[in-house]
């Protein structure tokens, strides 16, 4: 699971229940996005058993988000994780966000940084919800030409779906750094039980990345709840 277009997420409003006991309730909010952004997609493969371990991580940070109340302005970061461990039989897709990230971008989009602690969870509609916390610290280096692009994308396989619809002056870049989590994985020594397991989610530079400024448009966020 690798995505080149990422989106930001944060607290949602106005819950709407979905009919049927197997369906989750949802909350939805449309917000305005402004100013700077950082995006990166990582994919790591470790061959330690028949199919090995694969972790794909998508990150998007935005410096300025205007909430639907027209007053609250804040930064936000969203993280999507797909972690597959064929050694233990785990296949987890998790997503989440934080409203308290740290982030900076140079005016010429040559460098950027973001760090945060982000809670993530699986899709509640699938049952047996699993949660984790991703701790990340990433640095971007930009290269190439700055161009104005339209980001119209939909991402989110865990508990949150994010829909981008905005313009941004974007420069290609590469992100490096760390992303770790203690994840609820199957315990190979005790089949049928879950064991909190520390994992390094990335170990190589990003497959895709970008640095942005002068962002303008909206993001729609749909979050599933129990």
Protein backbone atom coordinates (compact mmCIF):
# COMPACT_ATOMS: atom_id res chain seq x y z
CA UNK A 1 0.00 0.00 0.00
CA UNK A 2 1.79 3.07 -1.29
CA UNK A 3 0.11 6.36 -1.92
CA UNK A 4 1.59 9.41 -3.60
CA UNK A 5 -1.21 11.78 -2.61
CA UNK A 6 -1.84 12.18 1.13
CA UNK A 7 -4.28 14.13 3.19
CA UNK A 8 -4.56 15.78 6.59
CA UNK A 9 -7.14 14.94 9.26
CA UNK A 10 -8.36 16.18 12.60
CA UNK A 11 -11.37 16.24 14.96
CA UNK A 12 -14.72 15.96 13.22
CA UNK A 13 -18.19 17.28 13.95
CA UNK A 14 -21.89 16.29 13.66
CA UNK A 15 -22.13 12.51 14.00
CA UNK A 16 -24.57 10.68 11.77
CA UNK A 17 -25.54 7.12 12.64
CA UNK A 18 -25.50 4.57 9.82
CA UNK A 19 -28.30 2.00 9.83
CA UNK A 20 -27.49 -1.60 10.67
CA UNK A 21 -25.69 -3.06 13.65
CA UNK A 22 -22.71 -4.07 11.51
CA UNK A 23 -22.18 -0.49 10.32
CA UNK A 24 -20.32 2.19 12.22
CA UNK A 25 -21.51 5.73 12.86
CA UNK A 26 -19.71 8.46 10.94
CA UNK A 27 -18.72 12.07 11.52
CA UNK A 28 -17.99 14.48 8.68
CA UNK A 29 -16.49 17.94 8.39
CA UNK A 30 -15.37 20.12 5.48
CA UNK A 31 -12.50 22.48 6.32
CA UNK A 32 -10.39 25.05 4.52
CA UNK A 33 -6.69 24.44 4.00
CA UNK A 34 -4.15 27.27 3.80
CA UNK A 35 -0.41 27.83 3.51
CA UNK A 36 2.24 25.06 3.84
CA UNK A 37 2.22 21.28 3.48
CA UNK A 38 4.55 18.27 3.62
CA UNK A 39 3.77 14.87 2.06
CA UNK A 40 5.64 11.57 1.93
CA UNK A 41 5.03 7.89 1.14
CA UNK A 42 7.29 5.13 2.48
CA UNK A 43 7.44 1.40 1.74
CA UNK A 44 9.74 -1.05 3.54
CA UNK A 45 10.15 -4.79 2.89
CA UNK A 46 12.03 -7.10 5.28
CA UNK A 47 12.55 -10.69 4.13
CA UNK A 48 12.62 -12.69 7.36
CA UNK A 49 10.21 -15.53 6.50
CA UNK A 50 8.30 -16.81 3.47
CA UNK A 51 6.80 -13.45 2.47
CA UNK A 52 8.42 -11.31 5.13
CA UNK A 53 7.30 -8.04 6.67
CA UNK A 54 6.06 -5.04 4.71
CA UNK A 55 5.15 -1.64 6.12
CA UNK A 56 3.79 1.26 4.06
CA UNK A 57 3.38 4.65 5.69
CA UNK A 58 1.79 7.80 4.28
CA UNK A 59 2.17 11.17 6.00
CA UNK A 60 0.71 14.61 5.31
CA UNK A 61 1.26 17.70 7.45
CA UNK A 62 -0.55 21.01 6.90
CA UNK A 63 0.46 24.19 8.70
CA UNK A 64 -2.91 25.93 8.73
CA UNK A 65 -6.37 24.42 8.79
CA UNK A 66 -9.51 26.53 9.26
CA UNK A 67 -12.22 24.51 10.99
CA UNK A 68 -15.87 24.61 9.97
CA UNK A 69 -16.68 27.09 12.76
CA UNK A 70 -14.70 29.71 10.82
CA UNK A 71 -12.70 30.60 13.93
CA UNK A 72 -10.46 27.70 14.94
CA UNK A 73 -7.19 27.62 13.01
CA UNK A 74 -4.57 24.94 13.70
CA UNK A 75 -1.97 22.68 12.14
CA UNK A 76 -2.64 18.98 11.63
CA UNK A 77 -0.97 15.77 10.52
CA UNK A 78 -2.45 12.53 9.22
CA UNK A 79 -0.80 9.12 9.15
CA UNK A 80 -1.90 6.00 7.23
CA UNK A 81 -0.17 2.69 7.99
CA UNK A 82 -0.47 -0.70 6.29
CA UNK A 83 1.54 -3.34 8.14
CA UNK A 84 1.78 -6.94 6.92
CA UNK A 85 3.74 -9.61 8.79
CA UNK A 86 3.45 -13.01 7.13
CA UNK A 87 5.51 -14.53 9.95
CA UNK A 88 2.68 -13.88 12.43
CA UNK A 89 -0.29 -13.61 10.05
CA UNK A 90 -0.91 -9.93 10.76
CA UNK A 91 -2.40 -7.60 8.13
CA UNK A 92 -3.36 -4.25 9.66
CA UNK A 93 -4.50 -1.05 7.99
CA UNK A 94 -4.69 1.89 10.38
CA UNK A 95 -5.22 5.63 10.04
CA UNK A 96 -5.37 8.61 12.37
CA UNK A 97 -4.38 12.20 12.98
CA UNK A 98 -2.97 14.70 15.46
CA UNK A 99 -3.78 18.36 16.00
CA UNK A 100 -0.52 19.07 17.86
CA UNK A 101 2.30 18.33 15.39
CA UNK A 102 5.48 20.34 15.01
CA UNK A 103 6.34 21.41 11.48
CA UNK A 104 8.28 23.94 9.41
CA UNK A 105 8.91 24.58 5.71
CA UNK A 106 11.45 26.97 4.16
CA UNK A 107 9.99 29.66 1.94
CA UNK A 108 11.79 28.31 -1.13
CA UNK A 109 10.56 24.76 -0.36
CA UNK A 110 14.13 23.52 -0.08
CA UNK A 111 13.72 21.96 3.38
CA UNK A 112 11.00 20.92 5.78
CA UNK A 113 10.49 19.06 9.03
CA UNK A 114 7.59 17.46 10.89
CA UNK A 115 7.37 15.46 14.10
CA UNK A 116 4.35 14.18 16.01
CA UNK A 117 2.80 11.43 18.09
CA UNK A 118 -0.27 10.16 16.23
CA UNK A 119 -2.94 7.70 17.46
CA UNK A 120 -4.16 5.34 14.70
CA UNK A 121 -6.78 2.61 14.54
CA UNK A 122 -8.34 0.04 12.22
CA UNK A 123 -11.75 0.32 10.56
CA UNK A 124 -14.42 -0.21 13.27
CA UNK A 125 -16.78 -1.71 10.70
CA UNK A 126 -14.47 -4.71 10.46
CA UNK A 127 -14.81 -5.41 14.19
CA UNK A 128 -12.05 -6.24 16.67
CA UNK A 129 -10.69 -2.70 16.53
CA UNK A 130 -6.94 -2.45 17.10
CA UNK A 131 -5.18 0.78 18.05
CA UNK A 132 -1.59 1.98 18.11
CA UNK A 133 0.42 5.19 18.42
CA UNK A 134 2.90 6.21 15.72
CA UNK A 135 5.85 8.42 16.74
CA UNK A 136 7.54 10.10 13.81
CA UNK A 137 10.26 12.62 13.08
CA UNK A 138 10.87 13.38 9.41
CA UNK A 139 13.00 15.76 7.35
CA UNK A 140 12.30 16.76 3.74
CA UNK A 141 14.77 18.01 1.14
CA UNK A 142 13.23 19.61 -1.94
CA UNK A 143 14.59 19.60 -5.49
CA UNK A 144 13.34 20.47 -8.93
CA UNK A 145 10.87 23.09 -10.07
CA UNK A 146 8.05 24.61 -8.03
CA UNK A 147 4.77 24.20 -9.88
CA UNK A 148 1.13 24.86 -9.02
CA UNK A 149 -0.82 21.61 -8.84
CA UNK A 150 -4.37 20.53 -8.06
CA UNK A 151 -4.60 17.83 -5.39
CA UNK A 152 -7.86 15.91 -5.79
CA UNK A 153 -7.44 12.63 -3.97
CA UNK A 154 -9.22 10.25 -1.61
CA UNK A 155 -7.24 8.24 0.92
CA UNK A 156 -8.12 6.24 4.03
CA UNK A 157 -8.43 2.51 4.64
CA UNK A 158 -8.58 2.56 8.43
CA UNK A 159 -10.94 4.51 10.65
CA UNK A 160 -10.72 7.79 8.68
CA UNK A 161 -11.24 8.78 5.03
CA UNK A 162 -9.75 12.02 3.71
CA UNK A 163 -10.70 13.82 0.50
CA UNK A 164 -8.38 16.56 -0.81
CA UNK A 165 -9.64 19.30 -3.09
CA UNK A 166 -7.12 22.14 -3.15
CA UNK A 167 -4.40 23.91 -5.13
CA UNK A 168 -0.84 24.25 -3.85
CA UNK A 169 2.56 25.42 -5.10
CA UNK A 170 4.48 22.18 -4.83
CA UNK A 171 8.12 21.11 -5.09
CA UNK A 172 9.22 17.44 -5.33
CA UNK A 173 11.25 16.19 -2.40
CA UNK A 174 12.55 13.23 -0.45
CA UNK A 175 11.78 12.57 3.21
CA UNK A 176 13.96 10.63 5.65
CA UNK A 177 13.77 9.99 9.36
CA UNK A 178 12.03 7.66 11.79
CA UNK A 179 8.53 6.32 12.35
CA UNK A 180 7.96 3.77 15.10
CA UNK A 181 4.97 2.23 16.84
CA UNK A 182 4.01 -0.38 19.41
CA UNK A 183 1.43 -2.37 17.45
CA UNK A 184 -1.08 -5.03 18.56
CA UNK A 185 0.28 -8.07 16.70
CA UNK A 186 -0.36 -11.80 16.97
CA UNK A 187 1.90 -13.56 19.46
CA UNK A 188 3.60 -16.45 17.59
CA UNK A 189 4.35 -18.20 20.90
CA UNK A 190 0.72 -18.05 22.02
CA UNK A 191 -1.65 -18.47 19.03
CA UNK A 192 -4.88 -16.54 19.37
CA UNK A 193 -3.44 -13.84 21.63
CA UNK A 194 -2.35 -10.29 20.84
CA UNK A 195 1.00 -8.94 22.03
CA UNK A 196 2.06 -5.26 21.99
CA UNK A 197 5.11 -5.29 19.70
CA UNK A 198 7.55 -2.46 18.97
CA UNK A 199 8.19 -1.98 15.24
CA UNK A 200 10.25 0.33 13.04
CA UNK A 201 7.86 1.31 10.27
CA UNK A 202 10.36 2.94 7.90
CA UNK A 203 14.02 2.33 7.14
CA UNK A 204 14.61 3.90 3.74
CA UNK A 205 14.00 7.30 2.10
CA UNK A 206 10.47 8.02 0.89
CA UNK A 207 9.29 6.64 -2.43
CA UNK A 208 7.49 9.92 -3.08
CA UNK A 209 7.39 13.27 -1.36
CA UNK A 210 6.70 16.95 -1.78
CA UNK A 211 6.87 20.31 -0.04
CA UNK A 212 4.12 22.87 -0.57
CA UNK A 213 3.13 26.47 0.12
CA UNK A 214 0.23 28.82 -0.68
CA UNK A 215 -2.26 25.99 -0.36
CA UNK A 216 -5.89 26.95 -0.96
CA UNK A 217 -9.02 24.80 -1.01
CA UNK A 218 -10.86 22.28 1.15
CA UNK A 219 -10.46 18.89 2.78
CA UNK A 220 -13.40 16.64 3.63
CA UNK A 221 -12.89 14.19 6.49
CA UNK A 222 -15.12 11.23 7.27
CA UNK A 223 -14.37 9.32 10.45
CA UNK A 224 -15.97 6.01 11.42
CA UNK A 225 -16.77 5.44 15.07
CA UNK A 226 -18.04 2.47 17.01
